[in-house]
Amino acid sequence: MSGIAQPNGAGGIGIRAEDVSLAWAIRKGAPVIALEGVSCAFAAGKVTAIIGPSGCGKSTLLQIVRGFLTPSSGRIAYIGGDGANRPPPSMATVWQSFNLFPWLTVEENVGFGLEIAGVSKAERQKRIGEALAAVDLQGFEAKVPRQLSGGMRQRVGLARALVMNPDVLLLDEPFGALDAQTRLVLQEQLATLVESTRKTAILVTHSIEEAILLADTVLVMTARPGRIAAEIEVGIPRPRGHATTGRPEYTALFEQIYGLLRDEVVKAMRGDDRGT
């Protein structure tokens, strides 16, 4: 895993959301407020998890950070290791769906972005090899997606993001479509990977376990309109894996996050019942 480059600059790039709100316009009636007054920080070189009930705006916030959506008010700031403002960093996203090109091989899928960027063939091969090694997919370079399991396809997606050496890695429910056993294994692999690369990473998840195992900080969001209800530091030492779930510190964190989430999930469910 040492072949994947470290983040650029001292401490990498941090991100700060400053009073971010987003309202969706609809044909009839008042706009739907997705996010309201969200202020939070995503520390450089750290993993921040965003967790909350369905429809609370987790993925919407991620897309605003990515630049795919423009907030109705507020702004996103990018901060260098020296504390100075920086232009938007390079970012790569791993989605819940695999989004692989079915007609391309594993090697071609991983190297697609590099080829579009005009990277030389020799450099592409080097970086593709490093990325595939980082996700334990050596020997599968010539396979096409239909020949791979769901877990392997998601690892191809992760390699495709890592090969671009982004400053920021965005993870939007990356294991949500996988079975429980595969998800557990990939959580442990990703935990090791993010620890070794020390990239700034933002993880959107519905899983409290995943948030605790992978993140340095957990942001708990309210039911819509999404706000930050709590910011919780995960003080459990790395490396973390399945054995971590048996530790008393893990249990205490799980109960704390669940206690915050439970009321918000109930609110979200009542909102669904009212058709709002």
Protein backbone atom coordinates (compact mmCIF):
# COMPACT_ATOMS: atom_id res chain seq x y z
CA MET A 1 0.00 0.00 0.00
CA SER A 2 3.00 2.29 0.23
CA GLY A 3 2.88 2.95 -3.52
CA ILE A 4 -0.10 5.30 -3.27
CA ALA A 5 1.17 8.85 -2.91
CA GLN A 6 0.75 10.87 0.27
CA PRO A 7 -1.35 14.05 0.21
CA ASN A 8 0.36 17.14 -1.16
CA GLY A 9 1.57 19.87 1.18
CA ALA A 10 1.97 19.96 4.94
CA GLY A 11 -1.01 18.16 6.38
CA GLY A 12 -2.93 18.07 3.11
CA ILE A 13 -6.09 20.07 2.37
CA GLY A 14 -8.87 20.64 4.88
CA ILE A 15 -12.43 21.68 4.01
CA ARG A 16 -14.83 23.90 5.91
CA ALA A 17 -18.57 24.34 5.35
CA GLU A 18 -19.68 27.79 6.47
CA ASP A 19 -23.41 28.25 7.15
CA VAL A 20 -24.36 26.17 4.10
CA SER A 21 -28.04 25.92 3.18
CA LEU A 22 -29.76 24.44 0.14
CA ALA A 23 -33.42 24.73 -0.86
CA TRP A 24 -34.97 22.78 -3.73
CA ALA A 25 -37.47 24.75 -5.78
CA ILE A 26 -40.71 22.89 -6.57
CA ARG A 27 -43.55 23.75 -8.96
CA LYS A 28 -46.16 24.36 -6.28
CA GLY A 29 -45.72 25.40 -2.70
CA ALA A 30 -42.72 26.51 -0.69
CA PRO A 31 -39.22 25.31 -1.56
CA VAL A 32 -38.03 22.11 0.14
CA ILE A 33 -35.17 22.92 2.50
CA ALA A 34 -32.59 20.13 2.26
CA LEU A 35 -29.82 21.72 4.35
CA GLU A 36 -30.03 24.61 6.77
CA GLY A 37 -27.13 26.48 8.33
CA VAL A 38 -24.61 23.65 8.13
CA SER A 39 -21.22 24.62 9.55
CA CYS A 40 -18.59 21.93 10.03
CA ALA A 41 -14.97 21.09 9.25
CA PHE A 42 -13.33 18.17 7.50
CA ALA A 43 -9.81 18.00 8.88
CA ALA A 44 -6.82 17.65 6.57
CA GLY A 45 -5.40 14.13 6.45
CA LYS A 46 -8.29 12.76 8.52
CA VAL A 47 -11.47 10.76 7.85
CA THR A 48 -14.75 12.45 8.70
CA ALA A 49 -17.95 10.39 8.62
CA ILE A 50 -21.38 11.93 8.04
CA ILE A 51 -24.26 9.90 9.43
CA GLY A 52 -27.96 10.67 9.73
CA PRO A 53 -31.46 9.47 8.82
CA SER A 54 -32.48 8.90 5.20
CA GLY A 55 -33.22 12.13 3.37
CA CYS A 56 -31.34 14.37 5.80
CA GLY A 57 -28.98 15.74 3.15
CA LYS A 58 -25.80 13.70 3.70
CA SER A 59 -25.16 13.06 0.03
CA THR A 60 -26.35 16.57 -0.85
CA LEU A 61 -23.66 18.02 1.41
CA LEU A 62 -21.09 15.74 -0.21
CA GLN A 63 -22.11 16.94 -3.68
CA ILE A 64 -21.81 20.57 -2.56
CA VAL A 65 -18.29 19.85 -1.29
CA ARG A 66 -17.54 18.13 -4.62
CA GLY A 67 -18.79 21.16 -6.55
CA PHE A 68 -21.65 19.33 -8.24
CA LEU A 69 -24.25 21.49 -6.43
CA THR A 70 -24.22 25.17 -5.51
CA PRO A 71 -25.61 26.05 -2.07
CA SER A 72 -28.47 28.55 -1.79
CA SER A 73 -26.39 30.35 0.84
CA GLY A 74 -23.12 29.87 2.67
CA ARG A 75 -19.91 28.61 1.18
CA ILE A 76 -17.27 25.88 1.11
CA ALA A 77 -13.72 26.92 2.00
CA TYR A 78 -10.55 24.94 1.34
CA ILE A 79 -7.72 25.33 3.84
CA GLY A 80 -4.06 24.39 3.39
CA GLY A 81 -1.82 22.90 6.04
CA ASP A 82 -0.49 26.40 6.72
CA GLY A 83 -4.00 27.69 7.48
CA ALA A 84 -4.23 29.74 4.29
CA ASN A 85 -7.14 29.59 1.86
CA ARG A 86 -6.59 27.35 -1.13
CA PRO A 87 -8.36 26.79 -4.47
CA PRO A 88 -10.59 23.69 -4.73
CA PRO A 89 -8.40 20.59 -4.35
CA SER A 90 -8.43 17.57 -6.63
CA MET A 91 -11.17 15.14 -5.56
CA ALA A 92 -12.27 11.63 -6.42
CA THR A 93 -15.52 9.91 -5.47
CA VAL A 94 -16.39 6.29 -4.78
CA TRP A 95 -20.15 5.75 -5.16
CA GLN A 96 -22.45 3.06 -3.82
CA SER A 97 -23.07 1.78 -7.35
CA PHE A 98 -19.97 0.40 -9.04
CA ASN A 99 -20.18 2.62 -12.15
CA LEU A 100 -17.61 0.59 -14.07
CA PHE A 101 -17.45 0.47 -17.85
CA PRO A 102 -18.61 -3.11 -18.56
CA TRP A 103 -16.67 -3.39 -21.83
CA LEU A 104 -13.33 -2.36 -20.30
CA THR A 105 -10.94 -4.56 -18.34
CA VAL A 106 -10.06 -3.89 -14.72
CA GLU A 107 -6.80 -2.27 -15.84
CA GLU A 108 -8.59 -0.10 -18.40
CA ASN A 109 -11.28 0.96 -15.93
CA VAL A 110 -8.71 2.00 -13.34
CA GLY A 111 -6.57 3.85 -15.88
CA PHE A 112 -9.44 5.57 -17.72
CA GLY A 113 -9.09 8.91 -15.90
CA LEU A 114 -5.32 8.91 -16.36
CA GLU A 115 -5.69 8.33 -20.08
CA ILE A 116 -8.20 11.18 -20.39
CA ALA A 117 -5.75 13.38 -18.46
CA GLY A 118 -3.02 12.60 -21.01
CA VAL A 119 -0.74 10.68 -18.65
CA SER A 120 1.91 8.69 -20.53
CA LYS A 121 1.43 4.95 -20.95
CA ALA A 122 4.46 4.08 -18.83
CA GLU A 123 3.30 6.32 -15.98
CA ARG A 124 -0.26 4.97 -16.30
CA GLN A 125 0.95 1.39 -15.97
CA LYS A 126 3.01 2.26 -12.90
CA ARG A 127 0.16 4.04 -11.14
CA ILE A 128 -2.43 1.42 -12.11
CA GLY A 129 -0.21 -1.29 -10.66
CA GLU A 130 0.19 0.62 -7.40
CA ALA A 131 -3.55 1.26 -7.10
CA LEU A 132 -4.47 -2.37 -7.78
CA ALA A 133 -1.88 -3.53 -5.26
CA ALA A 134 -3.38 -1.17 -2.68
CA VAL A 135 -6.76 -2.91 -2.98
CA ASP A 136 -5.35 -6.44 -3.39
CA LEU A 137 -6.41 -6.94 -7.00
CA GLN A 138 -3.12 -7.97 -8.59
CA GLY A 139 -3.71 -10.70 -11.16
CA PHE A 140 -7.15 -9.43 -12.17
CA GLU A 141 -5.96 -6.76 -14.60
CA ALA A 142 -7.41 -8.49 -17.69
CA LYS A 143 -10.80 -9.37 -16.18
CA VAL A 144 -13.98 -7.47 -17.10
CA PRO A 145 -16.55 -6.41 -14.48
CA ARG A 146 -18.97 -9.29 -15.13
CA GLN A 147 -16.21 -11.72 -14.12
CA LEU A 148 -15.82 -10.12 -10.68
CA SER A 149 -17.78 -10.35 -7.44
CA GLY A 150 -19.55 -7.28 -6.08
CA GLY A 151 -16.80 -6.71 -3.54
CA MET A 152 -14.10 -6.91 -6.19
CA ARG A 153 -15.96 -4.47 -8.43
CA GLN A 154 -16.17 -1.99 -5.59
CA ARG A 155 -12.44 -2.37 -5.00
CA VAL A 156 -11.90 -1.54 -8.69
CA GLY A 157 -13.93 1.63 -8.07
CA LEU A 158 -11.75 2.48 -5.10
CA ALA A 159 -8.57 1.85 -7.12
CA ARG A 160 -9.93 4.08 -9.90
CA ALA A 161 -10.29 6.89 -7.36
CA LEU A 162 -6.91 6.34 -5.71
CA VAL A 163 -4.99 6.17 -8.99
CA MET A 164 -5.75 9.85 -9.61
CA ASN A 165 -3.91 10.72 -6.35
CA PRO A 166 -6.66 13.11 -5.22
CA ASP A 167 -6.17 15.53 -2.35
CA VAL A 168 -9.63 14.56 -1.09
CA LEU A 169 -11.38 11.19 -1.25
CA LEU A 170 -15.19 11.23 -1.10
CA LEU A 171 -16.98 8.00 -0.15
CA ASP A 172 -20.75 7.96 -0.67
CA GLU A 173 -22.13 4.77 0.93
CA PRO A 174 -19.31 2.81 -0.78
CA PHE A 175 -20.33 -0.58 0.64
CA GLY A 176 -24.10 -0.09 0.82
CA ALA A 177 -24.82 -2.52 -2.03
CA LEU A 178 -22.71 -5.37 -0.63
CA ASP A 179 -23.58 -8.31 1.60
CA ALA A 180 -22.72 -8.06 5.30
CA GLN A 181 -19.67 -10.37 5.18
CA THR A 182 -18.08 -8.64 2.18
CA ARG A 183 -18.84 -5.25 3.69
CA LEU A 184 -17.03 -6.17 6.90
CA VAL A 185 -13.89 -7.30 5.07
CA LEU A 186 -13.81 -4.19 2.87
CA GLN A 187 -14.35 -1.92 5.87
CA GLU A 188 -11.19 -3.36 7.42
CA GLN A 189 -9.26 -3.03 4.15
CA LEU A 190 -10.39 0.56 3.67
CA ALA A 191 -9.53 1.40 7.29
CA THR A 192 -5.97 0.19 6.66
CA LEU A 193 -5.79 2.04 3.35
CA VAL A 194 -6.95 5.43 4.60
CA GLU A 195 -4.59 5.14 7.56
CA SER A 196 -1.61 4.46 5.29
CA THR A 197 -2.37 7.16 2.70
CA ARG A 198 -3.53 9.81 5.21
CA LYS A 199 -5.72 11.48 2.63
CA THR A 200 -8.48 13.85 3.61
CA ALA A 201 -11.58 11.68 3.33
CA ILE A 202 -15.31 12.25 3.79
CA LEU A 203 -17.49 9.18 4.30
CA VAL A 204 -21.28 9.24 3.98
CA THR A 205 -22.80 6.20 5.66
CA HIS A 206 -25.91 4.84 7.36
CA SER A 207 -23.79 2.42 9.42
CA ILE A 208 -22.70 3.46 12.92
CA GLU A 209 -20.20 0.59 12.91
CA GLU A 210 -18.66 1.77 9.65
CA ALA A 211 -18.41 5.34 10.93
CA ILE A 212 -16.60 4.27 14.11
CA LEU A 213 -14.24 1.85 12.37
CA LEU A 214 -13.20 4.24 9.61
CA ALA A 215 -13.51 7.81 10.90
CA ASP A 216 -11.55 10.13 13.13
CA THR A 217 -14.62 12.34 13.58
CA VAL A 218 -18.33 11.54 13.19
CA LEU A 219 -20.82 14.28 12.24
CA VAL A 220 -24.39 13.37 13.21
CA MET A 221 -27.08 15.11 11.15
CA THR A 222 -30.68 15.89 12.01
CA ALA A 223 -33.75 14.91 10.04
CA ARG A 224 -34.57 17.28 7.17
CA PRO A 225 -33.78 20.09 7.03
CA GLY A 226 -30.32 18.71 7.65
CA ARG A 227 -28.24 20.38 10.34
CA ILE A 228 -25.26 19.21 12.35
CA ALA A 229 -26.60 17.79 15.62
CA ALA A 230 -23.26 16.69 17.06
CA GLU A 231 -19.56 16.30 16.28
CA ILE A 232 -18.05 13.26 17.97
CA GLU A 233 -14.35 12.42 18.09
CA VAL A 234 -13.44 8.74 17.73
CA GLY A 235 -10.58 8.28 20.16
CA ILE A 236 -10.12 4.54 19.62
CA PRO A 237 -6.53 3.85 18.46
CA ARG A 238 -5.89 2.52 14.97
CA PRO A 239 -5.75 -0.01 13.44
CA ARG A 240 -9.44 -0.80 13.90
CA GLY A 241 -11.25 -3.89 12.68
CA HIS A 242 -13.94 -6.34 13.66
CA ALA A 243 -12.22 -7.01 17.00
CA THR A 244 -12.68 -3.32 17.83
CA THR A 245 -16.44 -3.84 18.11
CA GLY A 246 -15.89 -5.84 21.31
CA ARG A 247 -14.13 -3.02 23.13
CA PRO A 248 -15.99 -0.98 25.77
CA GLU A 249 -14.92 2.28 24.10
CA TYR A 250 -16.62 1.13 20.89
CA THR A 251 -19.81 0.22 22.74
CA ALA A 252 -19.92 3.61 24.46
CA LEU A 253 -19.46 5.45 21.14
CA PHE A 254 -22.06 3.28 19.42
CA GLU A 255 -24.62 4.00 22.14
CA GLN A 256 -23.85 7.73 22.05
CA ILE A 257 -24.31 7.97 18.27
CA TYR A 258 -27.36 5.70 18.28
CA GLY A 259 -28.96 7.79 21.01
CA LEU A 260 -28.57 10.91 18.87
CA LEU A 261 -29.72 9.19 15.71
CA ARG A 262 -32.76 7.40 17.08
CA ASP A 263 -34.82 10.54 17.70
CA GLU A 264 -33.83 11.97 14.30
CA VAL A 265 -34.78 8.75 12.51
CA VAL A 266 -38.20 8.83 14.22
CA LYS A 267 -38.65 12.45 13.11
CA ALA A 268 -37.72 11.51 9.54
CA MET A 269 -40.19 8.60 9.57
CA ARG A 270 -42.99 10.89 10.84
CA GLY A 271 -42.14 13.34 8.11
CA ASP A 272 -42.45 10.55 5.53
CA ASP A 273 -45.82 9.58 6.98
CA ARG A 274 -47.04 13.15 6.49
CA GLY A 275 -45.75 13.10 2.93
CA THR A 276 -43.27 15.90 3.57
